[in-house]
N, C-alpha and C. Protein backbone atom coordinates (compact mmCIF):
# COMPACT_ATOMS: atom_id res chain seq x y z
N MET A 1 131.83 52.20 150.79
CA MET A 1 131.81 51.17 149.85
C MET A 1 131.38 49.88 150.48
N ILE A 2 131.98 49.64 151.66
CA ILE A 2 131.70 48.45 152.34
C ILE A 2 130.21 48.41 152.76
N VAL A 3 129.67 49.51 153.12
CA VAL A 3 128.25 49.59 153.54
C VAL A 3 127.35 49.21 152.42
N VAL A 4 127.69 49.72 151.22
CA VAL A 4 126.90 49.40 150.04
C VAL A 4 126.94 47.91 149.73
N LEU A 5 128.18 47.37 149.82
CA LEU A 5 128.30 45.94 149.53
C LEU A 5 127.51 45.11 150.56
N ALA A 6 127.54 45.52 151.79
CA ALA A 6 126.82 44.78 152.83
C ALA A 6 125.32 44.79 152.58
N ILE A 7 124.81 45.99 152.22
CA ILE A 7 123.37 46.06 151.95
C ILE A 7 123.05 45.24 150.72
N LEU A 8 123.83 45.25 149.75
CA LEU A 8 123.56 44.45 148.59
C LEU A 8 123.63 43.00 148.89
N ARG A 9 124.55 42.51 149.72
CA ARG A 9 124.68 41.09 150.07
C ARG A 9 123.39 40.68 150.80
N LEU A 10 122.90 41.50 151.73
CA LEU A 10 121.78 41.06 152.42
C LEU A 10 120.53 40.95 151.54
N ASP A 11 120.44 41.91 150.62
CA ASP A 11 119.22 41.88 149.75
C ASP A 11 119.19 40.72 148.75
N SER A 12 120.32 40.65 148.11
CA SER A 12 120.32 39.67 146.99
C SER A 12 121.00 38.43 147.20
N GLY A 13 121.78 38.43 148.24
CA GLY A 13 122.49 37.18 148.66
C GLY A 13 123.63 36.85 147.76
N ALA A 14 123.87 35.57 147.53
CA ALA A 14 124.97 35.09 146.71
C ALA A 14 124.84 35.33 145.24
N ASN A 15 123.50 35.47 144.78
CA ASN A 15 123.25 35.74 143.36
C ASN A 15 123.84 37.04 142.91
N LEU A 16 123.95 38.01 143.74
CA LEU A 16 124.48 39.25 143.39
C LEU A 16 125.95 39.32 143.11
N LEU A 17 126.66 38.56 143.96
CA LEU A 17 128.10 38.45 143.83
C LEU A 17 128.50 37.73 142.52
N HIS A 18 127.72 36.82 142.13
CA HIS A 18 128.05 36.05 140.93
C HIS A 18 127.55 36.73 139.61
N ASN A 19 126.78 37.79 139.70
CA ASN A 19 126.28 38.49 138.62
C ASN A 19 127.25 39.62 138.18
N PRO A 20 127.98 39.49 137.08
CA PRO A 20 129.00 40.50 136.74
C PRO A 20 128.49 41.88 136.42
N GLY A 21 127.20 41.94 135.86
CA GLY A 21 126.58 43.30 135.57
C GLY A 21 126.21 43.99 136.82
N ALA A 22 125.79 43.28 137.85
CA ALA A 22 125.47 43.98 139.11
C ALA A 22 126.66 44.58 139.76
N LEU A 23 127.77 43.79 139.73
CA LEU A 23 129.02 44.29 140.34
C LEU A 23 129.43 45.49 139.59
N ALA A 24 129.34 45.55 138.29
CA ALA A 24 129.78 46.71 137.51
C ALA A 24 128.96 47.94 137.78
N ARG A 25 127.67 47.70 138.06
CA ARG A 25 126.78 48.81 138.43
C ARG A 25 127.19 49.32 139.81
N ILE A 26 127.48 48.48 140.69
CA ILE A 26 127.85 48.86 142.08
C ILE A 26 129.14 49.63 142.05
N ARG A 27 130.10 49.13 141.25
CA ARG A 27 131.41 49.88 141.16
C ARG A 27 131.16 51.26 140.45
N ALA A 28 130.31 51.33 139.47
CA ALA A 28 130.06 52.63 138.84
C ALA A 28 129.40 53.58 139.84
N MET A 29 128.49 53.10 140.63
CA MET A 29 127.85 54.00 141.59
C MET A 29 128.83 54.45 142.65
N GLU A 30 129.75 53.57 143.00
CA GLU A 30 130.74 54.03 144.02
C GLU A 30 131.73 54.96 143.42
N THR A 31 132.06 54.75 142.24
CA THR A 31 132.97 55.68 141.49
C THR A 31 132.30 57.04 141.42
N LEU A 32 131.03 57.10 141.04
CA LEU A 32 130.32 58.35 140.93
C LEU A 32 130.16 59.05 142.34
N LYS A 33 130.01 58.25 143.34
CA LYS A 33 129.84 58.77 144.70
C LYS A 33 131.23 59.35 145.07
N ASP A 34 132.28 58.69 144.79
CA ASP A 34 133.67 59.22 145.07
C ASP A 34 133.88 60.51 144.30
N ILE A 35 133.47 60.53 143.04
CA ILE A 35 133.71 61.75 142.16
C ILE A 35 132.91 62.89 142.72
N PHE A 36 131.62 62.71 143.05
CA PHE A 36 130.83 63.83 143.54
C PHE A 36 131.10 64.28 144.92
N SER A 37 131.78 63.44 145.69
CA SER A 37 132.16 63.83 147.05
C SER A 37 133.47 64.59 147.01
N ASN A 38 134.24 64.62 145.95
CA ASN A 38 135.40 65.28 145.85
C ASN A 38 135.19 66.81 145.78
N PRO A 39 135.87 67.63 146.60
CA PRO A 39 135.64 69.07 146.67
C PRO A 39 135.91 69.82 145.34
N PHE A 40 136.86 69.39 144.58
CA PHE A 40 137.10 69.98 143.29
C PHE A 40 135.89 69.77 142.25
N VAL A 41 135.34 68.60 142.26
CA VAL A 41 134.23 68.33 141.36
C VAL A 41 133.02 69.13 141.83
N LEU A 42 132.82 69.28 143.14
CA LEU A 42 131.71 70.04 143.67
C LEU A 42 131.86 71.50 143.29
N GLY A 43 133.00 72.04 143.35
CA GLY A 43 133.30 73.48 142.98
C GLY A 43 133.14 73.58 141.50
N LEU A 44 133.61 72.61 140.75
CA LEU A 44 133.42 72.64 139.30
C LEU A 44 131.96 72.72 138.95
N ILE A 45 131.17 71.90 139.51
CA ILE A 45 129.69 71.88 139.27
C ILE A 45 129.03 73.22 139.58
N VAL A 46 129.38 73.66 140.81
CA VAL A 46 128.81 75.03 141.26
C VAL A 46 129.29 76.14 140.29
N GLY A 47 130.45 76.02 139.76
CA GLY A 47 130.87 77.09 138.80
C GLY A 47 130.31 76.89 137.42
N LEU A 48 130.15 75.67 136.94
CA LEU A 48 129.56 75.45 135.65
C LEU A 48 128.05 75.62 135.52
N LEU A 49 127.38 75.39 136.65
CA LEU A 49 125.92 75.66 136.68
C LEU A 49 125.54 77.12 136.28
N PRO A 50 126.13 78.20 136.87
CA PRO A 50 125.81 79.48 136.39
C PRO A 50 126.18 79.77 134.98
N CYS A 51 127.33 79.14 134.60
CA CYS A 51 127.75 79.35 133.15
C CYS A 51 126.71 78.73 132.22
N ALA A 52 126.18 77.56 132.63
CA ALA A 52 125.20 76.90 131.73
C ALA A 52 123.93 77.69 131.70
N LEU A 53 123.54 78.29 132.84
CA LEU A 53 122.35 79.12 132.84
C LEU A 53 122.56 80.41 131.99
N ALA A 54 123.74 80.98 132.09
CA ALA A 54 124.11 82.19 131.34
C ALA A 54 124.10 81.88 129.86
N TRP A 55 124.67 80.72 129.50
CA TRP A 55 124.70 80.34 128.10
C TRP A 55 123.28 80.10 127.55
N LYS A 56 122.36 79.47 128.41
CA LYS A 56 121.01 79.21 128.00
C LYS A 56 120.27 80.65 127.84
N SER A 57 120.56 81.54 128.70
CA SER A 57 119.93 82.80 128.61
C SER A 57 120.47 83.65 127.39
N THR A 58 121.74 83.53 127.09
CA THR A 58 122.28 84.17 125.91
C THR A 58 121.64 83.56 124.59
N PHE A 59 121.56 82.24 124.63
CA PHE A 59 121.01 81.58 123.44
C PHE A 59 119.54 82.01 123.17
N ALA A 60 118.80 82.11 124.34
CA ALA A 60 117.40 82.53 124.25
C ALA A 60 117.31 83.99 123.72
N ALA A 61 118.23 84.83 124.27
CA ALA A 61 118.26 86.21 123.84
C ALA A 61 118.59 86.32 122.30
N LYS A 62 119.53 85.50 121.84
CA LYS A 62 119.96 85.55 120.42
C LYS A 62 118.77 85.18 119.57
N LEU A 63 117.97 84.15 120.05
CA LEU A 63 116.81 83.72 119.22
C LEU A 63 115.74 84.83 119.20
N LEU A 64 115.54 85.51 120.37
CA LEU A 64 114.59 86.56 120.45
C LEU A 64 115.11 87.77 119.56
N LEU A 65 116.40 88.03 119.54
CA LEU A 65 116.98 89.08 118.80
C LEU A 65 116.82 88.80 117.28
N LYS A 66 117.02 87.57 116.89
CA LYS A 66 116.84 87.19 115.48
C LYS A 66 115.42 87.37 115.03
N LYS A 67 114.45 86.94 115.93
CA LYS A 67 113.06 87.14 115.51
C LYS A 67 112.70 88.58 115.41
N GLU A 68 113.24 89.48 116.32
CA GLU A 68 112.98 90.92 116.26
C GLU A 68 113.59 91.52 114.99
N LYS A 69 114.79 91.07 114.72
CA LYS A 69 115.49 91.51 113.49
C LYS A 69 114.64 91.19 112.25
N GLN A 70 114.08 89.98 112.15
CA GLN A 70 113.30 89.55 111.07
C GLN A 70 112.05 90.47 110.97
N LYS A 71 111.48 90.70 112.10
CA LYS A 71 110.29 91.48 112.15
C LYS A 71 110.55 92.92 111.67
N PHE A 72 111.73 93.52 112.11
CA PHE A 72 112.02 94.89 111.76
C PHE A 72 112.46 94.93 110.28
N ASP A 73 113.08 93.86 109.73
CA ASP A 73 113.38 93.80 108.34
C ASP A 73 112.16 93.82 107.53
N ALA A 74 111.19 93.04 107.88
CA ALA A 74 109.95 93.00 107.15
C ALA A 74 109.27 94.36 107.20
N GLU A 75 109.20 95.03 108.34
CA GLU A 75 108.57 96.35 108.53
C GLU A 75 109.36 97.36 107.68
N LEU A 76 110.71 97.24 107.63
CA LEU A 76 111.55 98.10 106.80
C LEU A 76 111.17 97.95 105.34
N ARG A 77 111.04 96.78 104.88
CA ARG A 77 110.70 96.54 103.51
C ARG A 77 109.38 97.08 103.14
N ASP A 78 108.37 96.92 104.11
CA ASP A 78 107.05 97.51 103.94
C ASP A 78 107.12 99.05 103.78
N LEU A 79 107.95 99.60 104.65
CA LEU A 79 108.03 101.10 104.68
C LEU A 79 108.79 101.59 103.36
N GLN A 80 109.82 100.89 102.92
CA GLN A 80 110.50 101.19 101.71
C GLN A 80 109.52 101.10 100.51
N ALA A 81 108.70 100.11 100.49
CA ALA A 81 107.76 99.94 99.42
C ALA A 81 106.74 101.06 99.36
N HIS A 82 106.27 101.42 100.59
CA HIS A 82 105.30 102.52 100.69
C HIS A 82 106.00 103.83 100.27
N LEU A 83 107.30 104.05 100.72
CA LEU A 83 108.00 105.29 100.30
C LEU A 83 108.19 105.27 98.72
N ASN A 84 108.60 104.20 98.19
CA ASN A 84 108.75 104.12 96.73
C ASN A 84 107.41 104.48 96.01
N THR A 85 106.32 103.87 96.46
CA THR A 85 105.01 104.20 95.88
C THR A 85 104.75 105.67 96.00
N GLN A 86 104.94 106.25 97.18
CA GLN A 86 104.66 107.65 97.40
C GLN A 86 105.52 108.52 96.52
N LEU A 87 106.82 108.17 96.40
CA LEU A 87 107.68 108.98 95.54
C LEU A 87 107.30 108.91 94.02
N LYS A 88 106.81 107.71 93.65
CA LYS A 88 106.35 107.58 92.23
C LYS A 88 105.15 108.40 91.95
N ILE A 89 104.24 108.46 92.99
CA ILE A 89 103.02 109.29 92.84
C ILE A 89 103.38 110.78 92.83
N ASN A 90 104.30 111.16 93.63
CA ASN A 90 104.76 112.59 93.64
C ASN A 90 105.44 112.89 92.35
N ALA A 91 106.28 112.01 91.86
CA ALA A 91 107.06 112.29 90.70
C ALA A 91 106.06 112.47 89.48
N SER A 92 105.03 111.51 89.41
CA SER A 92 104.08 111.64 88.33
C SER A 92 103.29 112.94 88.37
N GLY A 93 102.93 113.36 89.57
CA GLY A 93 102.28 114.63 89.77
C GLY A 93 103.11 115.78 89.42
N ASN A 94 104.46 115.75 89.80
CA ASN A 94 105.34 116.85 89.46
C ASN A 94 105.60 116.84 87.93
N ASP A 95 105.69 115.70 87.34
CA ASP A 95 105.85 115.65 85.84
C ASP A 95 104.66 116.30 85.13
N ALA A 96 103.42 116.05 85.69
CA ALA A 96 102.28 116.58 85.05
C ALA A 96 102.21 118.13 85.25
N LEU A 97 102.58 118.58 86.42
CA LEU A 97 102.64 120.04 86.65
C LEU A 97 103.70 120.65 85.80
N GLN A 98 104.90 120.12 85.65
CA GLN A 98 105.94 120.58 84.87
C GLN A 98 105.50 120.65 83.42
N LYS A 99 104.85 119.63 82.89
CA LYS A 99 104.31 119.66 81.51
C LYS A 99 103.37 120.81 81.33
N GLU A 100 102.44 120.93 82.31
CA GLU A 100 101.45 122.02 82.17
C GLU A 100 102.12 123.39 82.30
N LEU A 101 103.17 123.55 83.12
CA LEU A 101 103.85 124.76 83.19
C LEU A 101 104.58 125.08 81.89
N ASP A 102 105.26 124.09 81.34
CA ASP A 102 105.95 124.31 80.07
C ASP A 102 104.96 124.66 78.97
N GLN A 103 103.81 123.99 78.99
CA GLN A 103 102.78 124.32 77.95
C GLN A 103 102.29 125.79 78.12
N LEU A 104 102.03 126.21 79.35
CA LEU A 104 101.57 127.54 79.65
C LEU A 104 102.69 128.53 79.29
N ARG A 105 103.95 128.26 79.50
CA ARG A 105 104.98 129.17 79.14
C ARG A 105 105.06 129.27 77.61
N ALA A 106 104.93 128.20 76.90
CA ALA A 106 104.94 128.24 75.46
C ALA A 106 103.75 129.05 74.95
N GLN A 107 102.57 128.86 75.52
CA GLN A 107 101.41 129.63 75.13
C GLN A 107 101.61 131.08 75.37
N ASN A 108 102.18 131.38 76.56
CA ASN A 108 102.40 132.80 76.95
C ASN A 108 103.37 133.48 75.97
N GLU A 109 104.45 132.75 75.62
CA GLU A 109 105.40 133.25 74.61
C GLU A 109 104.76 133.41 73.23
N THR A 110 103.91 132.53 72.85
CA THR A 110 103.22 132.63 71.55
C THR A 110 102.28 133.86 71.61
N LEU A 111 101.52 134.08 72.69
CA LEU A 111 100.63 135.21 72.80
C LEU A 111 101.50 136.55 72.81
N ARG A 112 102.61 136.53 73.51
CA ARG A 112 103.47 137.72 73.49
C ARG A 112 103.93 138.12 72.08
N ILE A 113 104.38 137.07 71.31
CA ILE A 113 104.85 137.31 69.93
C ILE A 113 103.70 137.73 69.09
N ASN A 114 102.50 137.16 69.24
CA ASN A 114 101.31 137.52 68.45
C ASN A 114 100.97 138.97 68.79
N LEU A 115 101.00 139.40 70.06
CA LEU A 115 100.68 140.69 70.46
C LEU A 115 101.67 141.75 69.86
N ALA A 116 102.96 141.41 69.89
CA ALA A 116 104.00 142.24 69.27
C ALA A 116 103.73 142.30 67.86
N ALA A 117 103.43 141.28 67.14
CA ALA A 117 103.16 141.30 65.77
C ALA A 117 101.92 142.16 65.37
N ILE A 118 100.87 142.05 66.17
CA ILE A 118 99.69 142.78 65.93
C ILE A 118 99.97 144.31 66.10
N GLN A 119 100.76 144.61 67.16
CA GLN A 119 101.06 145.99 67.39
C GLN A 119 101.97 146.61 66.31
N GLN A 120 102.69 145.74 65.64
CA GLN A 120 103.55 146.26 64.60
C GLN A 120 102.92 146.28 63.20
N LYS A 121 101.76 145.83 63.12
CA LYS A 121 101.06 145.87 61.87
C LYS A 121 101.02 147.31 61.34
N PRO A 122 101.06 147.53 60.00
CA PRO A 122 101.02 148.90 59.49
C PRO A 122 99.90 149.76 59.90
N GLY A 123 98.72 149.11 59.97
CA GLY A 123 97.51 149.92 60.25
C GLY A 123 97.48 150.47 61.63
N ARG A 124 98.03 149.82 62.58
CA ARG A 124 97.98 150.25 64.00
C ARG A 124 98.71 151.61 64.21
N ALA A 125 99.91 151.71 63.68
CA ALA A 125 100.55 152.95 63.85
C ALA A 125 99.80 154.12 63.17
N GLU A 126 99.28 153.86 62.03
CA GLU A 126 98.56 154.96 61.27
C GLU A 126 97.26 155.28 62.04
N ILE A 127 96.63 154.34 62.55
CA ILE A 127 95.41 154.64 63.35
C ILE A 127 95.68 155.48 64.59
N ARG A 128 96.80 155.16 65.24
CA ARG A 128 97.21 155.90 66.40
C ARG A 128 97.52 157.33 65.99
N HIS A 129 98.33 157.44 64.96
CA HIS A 129 98.75 158.80 64.44
C HIS A 129 97.47 159.56 64.07
N MET A 130 96.55 158.94 63.45
CA MET A 130 95.28 159.59 63.01
C MET A 130 94.50 160.08 64.24
N GLN A 131 94.45 159.23 65.33
CA GLN A 131 93.72 159.64 66.50
C GLN A 131 94.43 160.84 67.17
N ILE A 132 95.77 160.84 67.17
CA ILE A 132 96.47 161.98 67.78
C ILE A 132 96.26 163.30 66.89
N THR A 133 96.35 163.11 65.64
CA THR A 133 96.11 164.22 64.73
C THR A 133 94.66 164.75 64.86
N GLU A 134 93.67 163.88 64.94
CA GLU A 134 92.29 164.29 65.09
C GLU A 134 92.13 165.02 66.39
N ALA A 135 92.75 164.56 67.50
CA ALA A 135 92.65 165.31 68.76
C ALA A 135 93.27 166.68 68.64
N ALA A 136 94.38 166.73 67.95
CA ALA A 136 95.08 168.03 67.69
C ALA A 136 94.23 168.97 66.91
N VAL A 137 93.60 168.50 65.91
CA VAL A 137 92.71 169.37 65.03
C VAL A 137 91.58 169.83 65.82
N ARG A 138 90.99 168.97 66.64
CA ARG A 138 89.84 169.35 67.51
C ARG A 138 90.22 170.51 68.47
N THR A 139 91.47 170.35 69.08
CA THR A 139 91.96 171.44 69.99
C THR A 139 92.22 172.71 69.16
N MET A 140 92.71 172.60 67.93
CA MET A 140 92.92 173.77 67.10
C MET A 140 91.67 174.55 66.79
N ARG A 141 90.73 173.77 66.54
CA ARG A 141 89.37 174.44 66.22
C ARG A 141 88.89 175.31 67.39
N GLU A 142 89.29 174.83 68.61
CA GLU A 142 88.87 175.60 69.80
C GLU A 142 89.76 176.84 69.97
N GLN A 143 91.00 176.75 69.59
CA GLN A 143 92.05 177.80 69.79
C GLN A 143 92.55 178.22 68.44
N ALA A 144 91.88 178.91 67.67
CA ALA A 144 92.22 179.31 66.26
C ALA A 144 93.07 180.53 66.07
N PRO A 145 93.29 181.46 67.02
CA PRO A 145 94.00 182.68 66.72
C PRO A 145 95.40 182.49 66.25
N GLY A 146 96.28 181.92 66.93
CA GLY A 146 97.64 181.72 66.43
C GLY A 146 97.87 180.24 66.07
N PHE A 147 97.81 180.01 64.75
CA PHE A 147 97.67 178.61 64.30
C PHE A 147 98.95 177.79 64.58
N ALA A 148 100.14 178.26 64.24
CA ALA A 148 101.39 177.51 64.34
C ALA A 148 101.62 177.13 65.79
N PRO A 149 101.78 178.14 66.66
CA PRO A 149 102.15 177.69 68.11
C PRO A 149 101.06 176.90 68.69
N ALA A 150 99.80 177.29 68.41
CA ALA A 150 98.66 176.54 68.93
C ALA A 150 98.65 175.11 68.42
N TRP A 151 99.02 174.98 67.12
CA TRP A 151 99.11 173.57 66.51
C TRP A 151 100.07 172.75 67.26
N GLU A 152 101.23 173.23 67.49
CA GLU A 152 102.30 172.50 68.19
C GLU A 152 101.84 172.19 69.58
N ARG A 153 101.31 173.00 70.27
CA ARG A 153 100.86 172.80 71.60
C ARG A 153 99.76 171.81 71.65
N ALA A 154 98.82 171.92 70.71
CA ALA A 154 97.75 170.90 70.64
C ALA A 154 98.28 169.57 70.24
N LEU A 155 99.21 169.53 69.36
CA LEU A 155 99.87 168.24 69.03
C LEU A 155 100.53 167.54 70.23
N ARG A 156 101.19 168.37 71.05
CA ARG A 156 101.91 167.81 72.23
C ARG A 156 100.86 167.29 73.19
N GLU A 157 99.82 168.10 73.42
CA GLU A 157 98.77 167.68 74.38
C GLU A 157 98.10 166.41 73.87
N ALA A 158 97.89 166.33 72.55
CA ALA A 158 97.25 165.16 71.98
C ALA A 158 98.14 163.86 72.17
N GLU A 159 99.49 164.07 72.05
CA GLU A 159 100.36 162.93 72.27
C GLU A 159 100.31 162.49 73.72
N LEU A 160 100.38 163.48 74.69
CA LEU A 160 100.26 163.18 76.10
C LEU A 160 98.89 162.46 76.40
N HIS A 161 97.93 162.92 75.80
CA HIS A 161 96.61 162.35 76.02
C HIS A 161 96.62 160.88 75.44
N ALA A 162 97.21 160.65 74.34
CA ALA A 162 97.29 159.31 73.70
C ALA A 162 98.18 158.42 74.62
N GLU A 163 99.20 158.94 75.22
CA GLU A 163 100.05 158.08 76.06
C GLU A 163 99.22 157.71 77.34
N ASP A 164 98.44 158.65 77.80
CA ASP A 164 97.60 158.37 78.98
C ASP A 164 96.65 157.23 78.64
N HIS A 165 96.07 157.28 77.33
CA HIS A 165 95.13 156.32 76.91
C HIS A 165 95.82 154.87 76.69
N ASP A 166 97.19 154.93 76.38
CA ASP A 166 97.82 153.68 76.22
C ASP A 166 98.21 152.97 77.55
N SER A 167 97.97 153.57 78.61
CA SER A 167 98.34 152.95 79.93
C SER A 167 97.17 153.08 80.88
N GLY A 168 97.05 152.18 81.83
CA GLY A 168 96.14 152.24 82.91
C GLY A 168 94.70 151.86 82.54
N LEU A 169 93.77 152.51 83.23
CA LEU A 169 92.34 152.24 83.09
C LEU A 169 91.85 152.69 81.77
N LYS A 170 92.36 153.78 81.26
CA LYS A 170 91.87 154.27 79.96
C LYS A 170 92.13 153.23 78.85
N LYS A 171 93.33 152.62 78.92
CA LYS A 171 93.57 151.63 77.90
C LYS A 171 92.66 150.43 78.05
N LEU A 172 92.43 150.00 79.22
CA LEU A 172 91.48 148.89 79.47
C LEU A 172 90.08 149.26 78.94
N MET A 173 89.56 150.45 79.20
CA MET A 173 88.29 150.89 78.70
C MET A 173 88.31 151.00 77.21
N ARG A 174 89.36 151.41 76.65
CA ARG A 174 89.39 151.48 75.21
C ARG A 174 89.40 150.10 74.52
N LYS A 175 90.03 149.14 75.22
CA LYS A 175 90.00 147.72 74.73
C LYS A 175 88.67 147.15 74.78
N VAL A 176 87.95 147.40 75.98
CA VAL A 176 86.67 146.88 76.21
C VAL A 176 85.65 147.48 75.21
N ILE A 177 85.77 148.78 75.09
CA ILE A 177 84.79 149.54 74.31
C ILE A 177 85.65 150.27 73.27
N PRO A 178 86.00 149.74 72.12
CA PRO A 178 86.90 150.31 71.12
C PRO A 178 86.33 151.69 70.51
N THR A 179 85.09 151.87 70.50
CA THR A 179 84.56 153.06 69.88
C THR A 179 84.50 154.21 70.82
N LEU A 180 84.89 154.07 72.14
CA LEU A 180 84.83 155.06 73.14
C LEU A 180 85.72 156.22 72.82
N GLY A 181 86.93 155.99 72.30
CA GLY A 181 87.91 157.06 72.01
C GLY A 181 87.46 157.84 70.77
N MET A 182 86.72 157.17 69.90
CA MET A 182 86.38 157.80 68.57
C MET A 182 85.09 158.64 68.68
N SER A 183 84.33 158.38 69.65
CA SER A 183 83.00 158.92 69.65
C SER A 183 83.03 160.47 69.83
N LYS A 184 83.95 161.05 70.60
CA LYS A 184 84.04 162.52 70.83
C LYS A 184 84.46 163.16 69.48
N SER A 185 85.40 162.58 68.85
CA SER A 185 85.87 163.23 67.58
C SER A 185 84.77 163.20 66.52
N LYS A 186 84.01 162.04 66.50
CA LYS A 186 82.88 162.04 65.49
C LYS A 186 81.86 163.07 65.75
N ASN A 187 81.57 163.21 67.15
CA ASN A 187 80.55 164.21 67.51
C ASN A 187 81.11 165.63 67.25
N LEU A 188 82.30 165.86 67.43
CA LEU A 188 82.86 167.22 67.10
C LEU A 188 82.91 167.48 65.65
N ASP A 189 83.24 166.39 64.88
CA ASP A 189 83.35 166.59 63.43
C ASP A 189 81.96 166.85 62.89
N GLU A 190 80.96 166.12 63.47
CA GLU A 190 79.54 166.33 62.93
C GLU A 190 79.07 167.73 63.39
N SER A 191 79.48 168.18 64.56
CA SER A 191 79.06 169.49 64.93
C SER A 191 79.74 170.59 64.14
N SER A 192 81.00 170.31 63.74
CA SER A 192 81.75 171.29 62.88
C SER A 192 81.22 171.32 61.51
N ASP A 193 80.83 170.18 61.01
CA ASP A 193 80.29 170.09 59.66
C ASP A 193 78.92 170.88 59.57
N MET A 194 78.22 170.78 60.63
CA MET A 194 76.94 171.45 60.66
C MET A 194 77.10 172.99 60.63
N GLU A 195 78.17 173.51 61.25
CA GLU A 195 78.45 174.90 61.30
C GLU A 195 78.84 175.33 59.94
């Protein structure tokens, strides 16, 4: 302190001692010098400096984390909007498919009912019975000696033949060409009429 005062006296002379602001500055500098030369204060500064750096680093990391969180939140909102759009598109497609499936089921049921009604019409059973009887008569004409047993056997064969026609390829052919089953009997009837 004495050294500082001596230097100040030499530089500024008597004016410095009479200036109260200058003396206050000198005392403040001496006080700061005494404070910073104290070992406790030096240790405190050395300890607080890393704490201040750690706090600054933490603060910067929090700011960076906040920006990243905002970025991820925006990306999440975009993905959710995209997912909602995709789900709406899929739902509308599924609804359309379900409506079409329901419509086809209803149409299938209607066709099944119509087919059952057509098969139950009075004329169908009689036509089938007539075809069976016609086939049996045709067979009887070929086997005339014992009429009763031959008639029963011919009737059974005609029924088996009709059942074969009601299933498989023969049924399909009869539906495609309805006169196919009747042509043989007409030809036989015409040939028997000629005799």
